[in-house]
Protein backbone atom coordinates (compact mmCIF):
# COMPACT_ATOMS: atom_id res chain seq x y z
CA UNK A 1 -19.63 25.37 49.37
CA UNK A 2 -23.03 26.28 47.95
CA UNK A 3 -25.92 27.19 50.28
CA UNK A 4 -29.00 25.00 50.33
CA UNK A 5 -32.23 26.38 49.01
CA UNK A 6 -35.77 25.26 49.72
CA UNK A 7 -35.72 22.85 46.82
CA UNK A 8 -32.80 21.01 48.42
CA UNK A 9 -34.28 20.82 51.89
CA UNK A 10 -37.98 21.27 52.53
CA UNK A 11 -39.04 23.39 55.46
CA UNK A 12 -40.46 21.20 58.23
CA UNK A 13 -43.89 22.82 58.16
CA UNK A 14 -44.19 22.13 54.43
CA UNK A 15 -43.95 18.39 54.95
CA UNK A 16 -47.27 16.53 55.06
CA UNK A 17 -45.50 13.94 57.22
CA UNK A 18 -44.86 16.64 59.84
CA UNK A 19 -48.47 17.73 59.85
CA UNK A 20 -49.55 14.10 60.26
CA UNK A 21 -47.07 13.62 63.15
CA UNK A 22 -48.22 16.81 64.85
CA UNK A 23 -51.87 15.88 64.68
CA UNK A 24 -51.17 12.32 65.84
CA UNK A 25 -49.28 13.62 68.89
CA UNK A 26 -52.04 16.07 69.72
CA UNK A 27 -54.59 13.26 69.62
CA UNK A 28 -52.47 10.78 71.57
CA UNK A 29 -52.48 10.16 75.30
CA UNK A 30 -50.38 8.48 77.97
CA UNK A 31 -50.82 4.72 77.81
CA UNK A 32 -50.02 3.68 81.35
CA UNK A 33 -50.85 0.05 80.63
CA UNK A 34 -48.27 -0.22 77.82
CA UNK A 35 -44.57 -0.81 78.50
CA UNK A 36 -42.32 0.81 75.87
CA UNK A 37 -38.87 -0.53 76.65
CA UNK A 38 -35.81 -0.47 74.40
CA UNK A 39 -32.42 -2.09 74.96
CA UNK A 40 -29.30 -0.51 73.52
CA UNK A 41 -25.61 -1.09 74.26
CA UNK A 42 -26.40 -2.48 77.73
CA UNK A 43 -28.79 0.35 78.66
CA UNK A 44 -32.53 0.06 79.18
CA UNK A 45 -34.56 3.00 77.90
CA UNK A 46 -38.13 3.19 79.17
CA UNK A 47 -40.33 5.48 77.06
CA UNK A 48 -43.62 4.45 78.70
CA UNK A 49 -44.24 7.92 80.18
CA UNK A 50 -44.62 9.72 76.85
CA UNK A 51 -47.78 10.24 74.82
CA UNK A 52 -48.11 7.53 72.23
CA UNK A 53 -50.50 5.65 69.98
CA UNK A 54 -50.26 3.45 66.91
CA UNK A 55 -50.86 6.57 64.86
CA UNK A 56 -47.96 8.49 66.44
CA UNK A 57 -45.59 5.59 65.85
CA UNK A 58 -46.59 5.25 62.23
CA UNK A 59 -46.39 9.00 61.68
CA UNK A 60 -42.97 9.14 63.39
CA UNK A 61 -41.53 6.51 61.10
CA UNK A 62 -42.97 8.27 58.05
CA UNK A 63 -41.52 11.59 59.22
CA UNK A 64 -38.01 10.15 59.63
CA UNK A 65 -38.23 8.49 56.24
CA UNK A 66 -39.33 11.80 54.71
CA UNK A 67 -36.27 13.43 56.25
CA UNK A 68 -34.01 10.74 54.74
CA UNK A 69 -33.03 9.16 58.03
CA UNK A 70 -31.14 6.21 56.55
CA UNK A 71 -29.07 8.38 54.21
CA UNK A 72 -28.39 11.03 56.88
CA UNK A 73 -27.37 8.43 59.44
CA UNK A 74 -24.99 6.80 56.99
CA UNK A 75 -23.51 10.17 56.04
CA UNK A 76 -22.77 10.95 59.69
CA UNK A 77 -21.20 7.59 60.41
CA UNK A 78 -19.05 7.48 57.27
CA UNK A 79 -17.54 10.94 57.63
CA UNK A 80 -19.38 12.83 54.92
CA UNK A 81 -19.61 16.62 55.21
CA UNK A 82 -22.80 16.75 57.27
CA UNK A 83 -21.73 20.07 58.81
CA UNK A 84 -22.82 22.04 55.78
CA UNK A 85 -22.32 25.59 57.08
CA UNK A 86 -18.65 24.85 57.85
CA UNK A 87 -18.25 22.36 54.97
CA UNK A 88 -16.75 19.53 56.97
CA UNK A 89 -17.55 16.20 58.56
CA UNK A 90 -18.71 15.62 62.13
CA UNK A 91 -16.95 12.30 62.45
CA UNK A 92 -16.65 11.92 66.20
CA UNK A 93 -17.83 8.31 65.87
CA UNK A 94 -14.49 7.51 64.21
CA UNK A 95 -12.71 8.48 67.43
CA UNK A 96 -14.23 5.47 69.20
CA UNK A 97 -14.42 3.04 66.28
CA UNK A 98 -13.02 -0.42 67.07
CA UNK A 99 -10.70 -0.07 64.06
CA UNK A 100 -10.15 3.66 63.59
CA UNK A 101 -8.31 5.31 60.72
CA UNK A 102 -4.52 5.52 61.04
CA UNK A 103 -4.34 9.10 62.33
CA UNK A 104 -6.81 8.42 65.11
CA UNK A 105 -5.14 5.12 66.08
CA UNK A 106 -1.78 6.89 66.21
CA UNK A 107 -2.99 9.55 68.63
CA UNK A 108 -4.73 6.99 70.82
CA UNK A 109 -1.47 5.07 71.02
CA UNK A 110 0.52 8.23 71.80
CA UNK A 111 -1.86 9.04 74.67
CA UNK A 112 -1.62 5.49 75.95
CA UNK A 113 2.19 5.57 75.90
CA UNK A 114 2.34 8.99 77.57
CA UNK A 115 0.10 7.88 80.43
CA UNK A 116 1.83 4.56 80.85
CA UNK A 117 5.24 6.22 80.98
CA UNK A 118 4.02 8.74 83.57
CA UNK A 119 2.56 5.91 85.66
CA UNK A 120 5.65 3.75 85.39
CA UNK A 121 8.02 6.57 86.31
CA UNK A 122 5.77 7.98 89.03
CA UNK A 123 5.61 11.38 87.33
CA UNK A 124 3.25 14.16 88.34
CA UNK A 125 1.31 14.13 91.58
CA UNK A 126 -1.18 16.63 90.18
CA UNK A 127 -2.60 17.69 86.84
CA UNK A 128 -4.20 21.06 86.11
CA UNK A 129 -6.52 20.89 83.14
CA UNK A 130 -7.11 24.18 81.34
CA UNK A 131 -9.98 24.31 78.86
CA UNK A 132 -13.52 25.56 78.59
CA UNK A 133 -16.85 24.34 77.20
CA UNK A 134 -16.40 21.18 75.15
CA UNK A 135 -12.82 21.02 76.21
CA UNK A 136 -13.80 20.88 79.87
CA UNK A 137 -17.18 19.36 80.68
CA UNK A 138 -16.51 15.90 79.30
CA UNK A 139 -13.25 15.58 81.19
CA UNK A 140 -14.94 16.66 84.43
CA UNK A 141 -17.85 14.28 83.92
CA UNK A 142 -15.79 11.23 83.00
CA UNK A 143 -13.29 11.74 85.83
CA UNK A 144 -15.92 12.27 88.48
CA UNK A 145 -18.15 9.44 87.28
CA UNK A 146 -15.37 6.87 87.02
CA UNK A 147 -13.18 7.65 90.03
CA UNK A 148 -14.60 4.87 92.18
CA UNK A 149 -11.32 3.01 92.12
CA UNK A 150 -9.49 6.03 93.49
CA UNK A 151 -7.59 8.79 91.74
CA UNK A 152 -3.98 8.23 90.71
CA UNK A 153 -3.37 11.95 90.63
CA UNK A 154 -5.14 15.05 91.80
CA UNK A 155 -6.92 16.63 88.84
CA UNK A 156 -7.81 20.31 89.09
CA UNK A 157 -9.82 22.28 86.54
CA UNK A 158 -9.45 25.81 85.30
CA UNK A 159 -12.13 26.93 82.82
CA UNK A 160 -13.49 30.33 83.78
CA UNK A 161 -11.46 33.44 82.97
CA UNK A 162 -12.13 34.54 86.57
CA UNK A 163 -8.76 34.56 88.36
CA UNK A 164 -10.31 32.76 91.33
CA UNK A 165 -10.49 29.60 89.22
CA UNK A 166 -6.73 29.40 88.83
CA UNK A 167 -6.12 30.42 92.42
CA UNK A 168 -8.31 27.57 93.64
CA UNK A 169 -6.62 25.10 91.30
CA UNK A 170 -3.03 25.81 92.34
CA UNK A 171 -3.78 26.04 96.05
CA UNK A 172 -1.62 23.54 97.91
CA UNK A 173 0.04 22.11 94.80
CA UNK A 174 3.77 21.58 94.31
CA UNK A 175 4.66 23.35 91.06
CA UNK A 176 7.62 21.04 90.48
CA UNK A 177 5.34 17.99 90.41
CA UNK A 178 2.36 19.43 88.54
CA UNK A 179 1.54 18.84 84.87
CA UNK A 180 -0.43 21.49 82.95
CA UNK A 181 -2.77 20.13 80.26
CA UNK A 182 -4.24 22.80 77.99
CA UNK A 183 -7.04 21.81 75.63
CA UNK A 184 -8.27 24.09 72.87
CA UNK A 185 -9.37 23.04 69.40
CA UNK A 186 -8.38 26.32 67.77
CA UNK A 187 -5.67 27.25 70.25
CA UNK A 188 -7.10 30.77 70.12
CA UNK A 189 -9.72 30.49 72.89
CA UNK A 190 -9.35 33.69 74.91
CA UNK A 191 -10.08 32.26 78.34
CA UNK A 192 -7.93 29.17 77.84
CA UNK A 193 -4.85 31.04 76.60
CA UNK A 194 -5.15 33.66 79.35
CA UNK A 195 -5.31 30.95 81.98
CA UNK A 196 -2.36 29.16 80.41
CA UNK A 197 -0.27 32.36 80.64
CA UNK A 198 -1.14 32.66 84.33
CA UNK A 199 -0.25 29.00 84.90
CA UNK A 200 3.11 29.53 83.19
CA UNK A 201 3.68 32.55 85.44
CA UNK A 202 3.00 30.34 88.47
CA UNK A 203 5.51 27.74 87.30
CA UNK A 204 8.11 30.41 86.57
CA UNK A 205 7.66 32.07 89.94
CA UNK A 206 8.15 28.67 91.55
CA UNK A 207 11.58 28.45 89.93
CA UNK A 208 10.76 26.19 87.00
CA UNK A 209 13.36 27.15 84.36
CA UNK A 210 11.60 25.56 81.40
CA UNK A 211 7.89 25.76 82.26
CA UNK A 212 6.60 24.65 78.87
CA UNK A 213 8.27 21.28 79.43
CA UNK A 214 5.53 20.74 82.02
CA UNK A 215 2.75 21.55 79.54
CA UNK A 216 0.75 19.17 77.39
CA UNK A 217 -1.34 20.63 74.57
CA UNK A 218 -4.37 18.97 72.96
CA UNK A 219 -5.50 20.82 69.85
CA UNK A 220 -6.45 20.76 66.19
CA UNK A 221 -3.74 23.40 65.69
CA UNK A 222 -0.51 21.69 66.77
CA UNK A 223 1.50 24.37 64.97
CA UNK A 224 0.14 27.00 67.38
CA UNK A 225 1.07 24.88 70.39
CA UNK A 226 4.57 24.22 69.04
CA UNK A 227 5.06 27.94 68.43
CA UNK A 228 4.67 28.56 72.18
CA UNK A 229 7.52 26.19 72.90
CA UNK A 230 5.56 23.14 74.01
CA UNK A 231 7.64 20.02 73.17
CA UNK A 232 6.36 18.13 70.15
CA UNK A 233 6.06 14.85 72.05
CA UNK A 234 3.63 16.62 74.39
CA UNK A 235 1.38 18.01 71.65
CA UNK A 236 -1.59 15.76 70.88
CA UNK A 237 -3.82 16.29 67.88
CA UNK A 238 -7.46 16.11 67.03
CA UNK A 239 -9.04 17.36 63.84
CA UNK A 240 -11.34 20.03 62.46
CA UNK A 241 -14.03 17.36 61.91
CA UNK A 242 -14.26 16.90 65.70
CA UNK A 243 -16.56 19.42 67.35
CA UNK A 244 -15.46 20.59 70.77
CA UNK A 245 -18.55 19.18 72.46
CA UNK A 246 -17.88 15.85 70.76
CA UNK A 247 -14.17 15.71 71.59
CA UNK A 248 -13.98 13.61 74.77
CA UNK A 249 -13.34 10.55 72.62
CA UNK A 250 -10.10 12.03 71.25
CA UNK A 251 -6.81 12.89 73.00
CA UNK A 252 -8.98 15.29 75.01
CA UNK A 253 -9.49 12.26 77.29
CA UNK A 254 -5.83 12.31 78.32
CA UNK A 255 -6.43 14.08 81.68
CA UNK A 256 -9.08 11.45 82.49
CA UNK A 257 -6.51 8.74 81.85
CA UNK A 258 -3.94 10.56 83.98
CA UNK A 259 -6.38 10.82 86.88
CA UNK A 260 -8.26 7.52 86.86
CA UNK A 261 -6.49 5.27 84.34
CA UNK A 262 -6.18 4.66 80.62
CA UNK A 263 -8.60 1.75 80.92
CA UNK A 264 -11.34 4.21 81.90
CA UNK A 265 -11.13 6.34 78.77
CA UNK A 266 -10.82 3.22 76.60
CA UNK A 267 -13.87 1.73 78.31
CA UNK A 268 -15.83 4.91 77.67
CA UNK A 269 -14.92 4.74 74.00
CA UNK A 270 -15.97 1.09 73.85
CA UNK A 271 -19.40 1.90 75.34
CA UNK A 272 -19.90 4.70 72.84
CA UNK A 273 -18.90 2.40 69.98
CA UNK A 274 -21.52 -0.10 71.11
CA UNK A 275 -24.17 2.60 71.01
CA UNK A 276 -22.91 3.67 67.55
CA UNK A 277 -23.41 0.09 66.35
CA UNK A 278 -26.95 0.06 67.76
CA UNK A 279 -27.76 3.41 66.13
CA UNK A 280 -26.32 2.25 62.81
CA UNK A 281 -28.28 -0.98 62.60
CA UNK A 282 -31.47 -0.84 64.66
CA UNK A 283 -34.70 -0.18 62.75
CA UNK A 284 -36.57 2.98 63.62
CA UNK A 285 -39.06 1.32 65.95
CA UNK A 286 -36.24 -0.21 68.03
CA UNK A 287 -33.66 2.53 67.61
CA UNK A 288 -33.17 4.13 71.03
CA UNK A 289 -31.63 7.45 69.89
CA UNK A 290 -34.28 7.84 67.18
CA UNK A 291 -37.15 7.12 69.58
CA UNK A 292 -35.74 9.48 72.19
CA UNK A 293 -35.46 12.16 69.51
CA UNK A 294 -39.04 11.67 68.39
CA UNK A 295 -40.27 11.98 71.96
CA UNK A 296 -38.17 15.10 72.37
CA UNK A 297 -39.55 16.71 69.21
CA UNK A 298 -43.10 15.87 70.27
CA UNK A 299 -42.58 17.36 73.71
CA UNK A 300 -40.90 20.51 72.45
CA UNK A 301 -42.53 21.33 69.13
CA UNK A 302 -46.04 19.92 69.60
CA UNK A 303 -46.80 19.76 73.33
CA UNK A 304 -44.94 22.96 74.14
CA UNK A 305 -42.52 21.88 76.85
CA UNK A 306 -39.76 24.47 76.77
CA UNK A 307 -37.18 22.61 78.80
CA UNK A 308 -35.71 19.22 79.58
CA UNK A 309 -34.60 18.43 83.11
CA UNK A 310 -31.82 15.88 83.66
CA UNK A 311 -32.41 14.00 86.91
CA UNK A 312 -29.53 11.54 87.37
CA UNK A 313 -30.03 9.46 90.52
CA UNK A 314 -26.32 8.91 91.10
CA UNK A 315 -24.15 11.51 92.84
CA UNK A 316 -21.22 10.64 90.57
CA UNK A 317 -23.16 12.10 87.66
CA UNK A 318 -23.20 15.63 89.08
CA UNK A 319 -21.63 16.97 85.86
CA UNK A 320 -23.99 15.16 83.49
CA UNK A 321 -26.55 17.99 83.39
CA UNK A 322 -24.05 20.73 82.40
CA UNK A 323 -22.38 18.34 79.92
CA UNK A 324 -25.72 17.63 78.24
CA UNK A 325 -26.70 21.26 78.56
CA UNK A 326 -23.82 22.23 76.29
CA UNK A 327 -24.20 19.23 73.99
CA UNK A 328 -27.90 19.85 73.45
CA UNK A 329 -28.23 23.63 73.61
CA UNK A 330 -25.16 24.44 71.54
CA UNK A 331 -26.31 21.90 68.95
CA UNK A 332 -30.04 22.60 68.84
CA UNK A 333 -30.18 26.27 69.73
CA UNK A 334 -31.00 27.22 66.15
CA UNK A 335 -33.92 29.03 64.56
CA UNK A 336 -33.21 28.70 60.82
CA UNK A 337 -33.14 25.52 58.81
CA UNK A 338 -30.46 24.26 56.44
CA UNK A 339 -31.87 26.42 53.66
CA UNK A 340 -31.54 29.53 55.85
CA UNK A 341 -35.27 29.91 56.40
CA UNK A 342 -37.07 30.14 59.76
CA UNK A 343 -37.82 26.65 61.10
CA UNK A 344 -41.26 27.81 62.19
CA UNK A 345 -41.62 25.54 65.22
CA UNK A 346 -39.90 25.61 68.64
CA UNK A 347 -36.54 23.82 68.46
CA UNK A 348 -34.00 22.86 71.12
CA UNK A 349 -35.24 22.99 74.71
CA UNK A 350 -33.35 24.54 77.59
CA UNK A 351 -31.56 21.73 79.43
CA UNK A 352 -30.91 21.81 83.16
CA UNK A 353 -30.90 19.72 86.29
CA UNK A 354 -28.90 18.22 89.12
CA UNK A 355 -28.61 14.77 90.70
CA UNK A 356 -31.49 13.26 92.61
CA UNK A 357 -32.40 13.42 95.40
CA UNK A 358 -30.90 16.91 95.71
CA UNK A 359 -33.12 18.09 92.87
CA UNK A 360 -36.23 16.96 94.72
CA UNK A 361 -35.45 19.54 97.41
CA UNK A 362 -34.60 22.22 94.87
CA UNK A 363 -36.88 22.34 91.82
CA UNK A 364 -39.18 19.33 91.81
CA UNK A 365 -41.93 21.46 93.34
CA UNK A 366 -41.93 23.40 90.05
CA UNK A 367 -41.87 20.19 88.01
CA UNK A 368 -44.91 18.80 89.82
CA UNK A 369 -47.10 21.84 90.34
CA UNK A 370 -45.68 24.70 88.28
CA UNK A 371 -47.73 26.08 85.41
CA UNK A 372 -45.22 25.16 82.67
CA UNK A 373 -43.70 21.85 83.66
CA UNK A 374 -40.89 20.16 81.78
CA UNK A 375 -39.98 16.86 80.25
CA UNK A 376 -37.62 14.92 82.52
CA UNK A 377 -34.93 12.36 81.80
CA UNK A 378 -34.53 10.15 84.88
CA UNK A 379 -31.29 8.16 84.98
CA UNK A 380 -30.44 5.49 87.53
CA UNK A 381 -28.13 2.50 88.08
CA UNK A 382 -29.64 -0.87 88.99
CA UNK A 383 -26.58 -1.77 91.10
CA UNK A 384 -24.54 0.44 93.37
CA UNK A 385 -20.76 0.37 93.74
CA UNK A 386 -20.87 0.78 97.48
CA UNK A 387 -21.89 -1.32 100.47
CA UNK A 388 -24.97 0.62 101.60
CA UNK A 389 -27.71 -1.37 99.95
CA UNK A 390 -30.60 0.22 101.86
CA UNK A 391 -29.53 3.72 100.83
CA UNK A 392 -29.33 2.60 97.21
CA UNK A 393 -32.84 1.16 97.46
CA UNK A 394 -34.04 4.49 98.87
CA UNK A 395 -32.42 6.30 95.96
CA UNK A 396 -34.12 4.08 93.38
CA UNK A 397 -37.44 4.29 95.19
CA UNK A 398 -37.29 8.08 95.05
CA UNK A 399 -36.51 8.01 91.33
CA UNK A 400 -39.41 5.73 90.48
CA UNK A 401 -41.81 7.56 92.80
CA UNK A 402 -41.05 10.99 91.39
CA UNK A 403 -41.48 9.72 87.84
CA UNK A 404 -44.79 8.01 88.62
CA UNK A 405 -46.15 11.09 90.40
CA UNK A 406 -45.21 13.32 87.44
CA UNK A 407 -47.07 10.92 85.16
CA UNK A 408 -50.14 10.00 87.25
CA UNK A 409 -50.49 12.98 89.55
CA UNK A 410 -52.67 12.69 92.64
CA UNK A 411 -56.41 12.58 93.09
CA UNK A 412 -58.06 15.52 94.83
CA UNK A 413 -60.98 13.29 95.78
CA UNK A 414 -58.74 10.71 97.43
CA UNK A 415 -56.75 13.43 99.19
CA UNK A 416 -59.94 15.16 100.40
CA UNK A 417 -61.29 11.87 101.76
CA UNK A 418 -58.03 11.27 103.59
CA UNK A 419 -58.19 14.70 105.20
CA UNK A 420 -61.80 14.21 106.23
CA UNK A 421 -60.87 10.86 107.76
CA UNK A 422 -58.32 12.69 109.87
CA UNK A 423 -61.12 14.84 111.29
CA UNK A 424 -60.58 17.97 109.21
CA UNK A 425 -63.56 20.23 108.61
CA UNK A 426 -65.12 19.76 105.11
CA UNK A 427 -64.46 23.33 103.96
CA UNK A 428 -60.84 23.16 105.09
CA UNK A 429 -60.37 19.71 103.51
CA UNK A 430 -61.75 20.97 100.19
CA UNK A 431 -59.52 24.06 100.26
CA UNK A 432 -56.37 22.18 101.25
CA UNK A 433 -56.88 19.38 98.73
CA UNK A 434 -56.75 21.93 95.94
CA UNK A 435 -53.31 23.06 97.11
CA UNK A 436 -52.07 19.50 97.42
CA UNK A 437 -53.25 18.30 94.00
CA UNK A 438 -50.65 17.12 91.48
CA UNK A 439 -51.95 17.46 87.95
CA UNK A 440 -49.80 14.67 86.46
CA UNK A 441 -49.64 14.06 82.74
CA UNK A 442 -46.04 15.24 82.48
CA UNK A 443 -43.65 13.28 80.21
CA UNK A 444 -40.44 11.58 81.18
CA UNK A 445 -37.89 9.00 80.08
CA UNK A 446 -36.21 6.50 82.37
CA UNK A 447 -32.71 5.37 81.38
CA UNK A 448 -31.33 2.50 83.45
CA UNK A 449 -27.63 1.63 83.56
CA UNK A 450 -26.66 -1.77 84.96
CA UNK A 451 -23.86 -0.04 86.90
CA UNK A 452 -21.95 3.18 86.39
CA UNK A 453 -19.02 1.67 84.50
CA UNK A 454 -16.94 3.45 81.84
CA UNK A 455 -18.70 1.34 79.20
CA UNK A 456 -22.14 2.38 80.43
CA UNK A 457 -21.14 6.05 80.62
CA UNK A 458 -19.81 6.01 77.07
CA UNK A 459 -23.01 4.37 75.83
CA UNK A 460 -25.11 6.97 77.67
CA UNK A 461 -23.24 9.93 76.17
CA UNK A 462 -23.37 8.49 72.65
CA UNK A 463 -27.11 7.87 73.11
CA UNK A 464 -27.60 11.60 73.67
CA UNK A 465 -25.29 12.54 70.79
CA UNK A 466 -27.30 10.51 68.32
CA UNK A 467 -30.60 11.63 69.79
CA UNK A 468 -29.58 15.23 69.16
CA UNK A 469 -28.52 14.43 65.59
CA UNK A 470 -31.95 12.92 64.84
CA UNK A 471 -33.78 15.87 66.42
CA UNK A 472 -31.75 18.22 64.22
CA UNK A 473 -32.58 16.12 61.18
CA UNK A 474 -36.29 16.39 61.90
CA UNK A 475 -36.16 20.13 62.48
CA UNK A 476 -33.91 20.59 59.48
CA UNK A 477 -31.16 22.41 61.34
CA UNK A 478 -27.38 21.98 61.54
CA UNK A 479 -26.37 20.67 65.01
CA UNK A 480 -22.65 20.98 64.39
CA UNK A 481 -22.03 24.74 64.18
CA UNK A 482 -22.33 27.37 66.93
CA UNK A 483 -22.41 30.77 65.29
CA UNK A 484 -24.39 32.15 68.21
CA UNK A 485 -21.31 31.89 70.41
CA UNK A 486 -19.10 33.90 68.08
CA UNK A 487 -20.84 37.29 68.01
CA UNK A 488 -20.51 37.85 71.76
CA UNK A 489 -16.85 36.76 71.69
CA UNK A 490 -16.05 39.28 68.97
CA UNK A 491 -17.85 42.02 70.86
CA UNK A 492 -15.99 41.16 74.07
CA UNK A 493 -12.68 41.54 72.28
CA UNK A 494 -13.59 45.05 71.20
CA UNK A 495 -14.90 46.05 74.65
CA UNK A 496 -11.69 44.74 76.23
CA UNK A 497 -9.70 47.12 74.05
CA UNK A 498 -11.90 49.98 75.22
CA UNK A 499 -11.40 48.99 78.85
CA UNK A 500 -7.66 49.28 78.17
CA UNK A 501 -8.17 52.84 76.98
CA UNK A 502 -8.17 52.27 73.25
CA UNK A 503 -10.58 53.98 70.91
CA UNK A 504 -14.01 52.37 70.58
CA UNK A 505 -14.48 50.28 67.47
CA UNK A 506 -18.23 49.72 67.72
CA UNK A 507 -21.39 51.58 68.66
CA UNK A 508 -22.92 50.54 71.96
CA UNK A 509 -26.34 50.73 73.52
CA UNK A 510 -26.70 53.36 76.24
CA UNK A 511 -26.34 50.95 79.18
CA UNK A 512 -23.21 49.24 77.80
CA UNK A 513 -21.63 52.61 77.04
CA UNK A 514 -22.41 53.80 80.59
CA UNK A 515 -20.62 50.86 82.19
CA UNK A 516 -17.63 51.09 79.87
CA UNK A 517 -17.30 54.72 80.96
CA UNK A 518 -17.63 53.82 84.62
CA UNK A 519 -15.06 51.04 84.38
CA UNK A 520 -12.53 53.18 82.52
CA UNK A 521 -12.65 56.15 84.87
CA UNK A 522 -9.15 56.89 86.09
CA UNK A 523 -7.47 55.09 83.18
């Protein structure tokens, strides 16, 4: 694997197309009388609340062409080695392809047969899923979002190394009727393996003679799982070309199928495949992931918005924000381009949020009147899956109102006149109207699902995956590695040895050394 140099991949700031895009965005404004609506895989994506102009749209298309959008998109979708720093593909789209390669089809069938056998035989009242990061968030999100038909089994999650996580998971469970599912791509993840050991201890203490027979492993290292004694028919494989944060589409979805049905995980894959087809074929002007990416780059790198808030107006999407937080920030949290040079512009935003309307009573004050502001992705479902139609109407009204207020703001003159009409003194009305003013002019996207079905959820997640890929392409960074995670993990391993009384193997700053000394007193 040879590194790229500047001749292979131009730095973003060196591109005249970037300079033209930047200037066009700076000169553009919000066009509140123009509806910018895209349809993709059953979703409606409303981009009307972003700055735009004919010049920005022309410059955006030129920028993507300068970055080789068509070639890069094809390379991603056909399994070329787009992850250059690790010299491998990022072929997660193959995991949900209608006609996948043989290895993928085999594992899908094995998962299907395992779940169907467990259902037919009435096995396992509970499942404990052990995994962290990309091995955890997707399973949580899919299970919570698609459990409207009722859960077939209790599904508990253990991610954090904190012992309280396992204690909470096993509380009230019957060890003899509990399946342990451990998910780790490398099968070396410290937290996951430590929690697996504790779960095995729990099974053993409950009198289970062969505890590993109650363990399913999902990994790219089946040899490591087999070495522990997990039966081969309970070891499911995915591959090194599947990033952890892109792995829900693989056998990693098995706990979802165990909890809410195999049809759910297959529906999620089908929705993602539909979005893949849209991304593969739609021209730039109509390509929803590409247009979302361009808006995101404009907001972050030109207009200076440092964060993106996810406001999903559906309580079942409570795990969407942390799922997208990992997907986006682990992918786009980079500061050097593919040639190893500084990008030179702000890249990936911080991603955060919670479902509406809870968020309105938590952080929307900051969104509306704070000095920084943030771009917001509003997500809502046209139809509810419950009987309370008035409450659903209230939910949608809040979503639309918050978005409009962020865009249009409020008028101090109108507010002042209203206060005066209520009999308030002029000086007081003038003073209070300044406090009540909403500046407006803050960008947002509205994504509308017909209903929260597995298909719609899969399409939504794939929309964000491809959006992130296009943003990375524009910035010239690799969205498929995560070297920033590794340094801290290596350091933690060394500090753990010191906490166990072994000799230090690294120099520490004064504060870290102080706390190691405090924590090792008496050892």
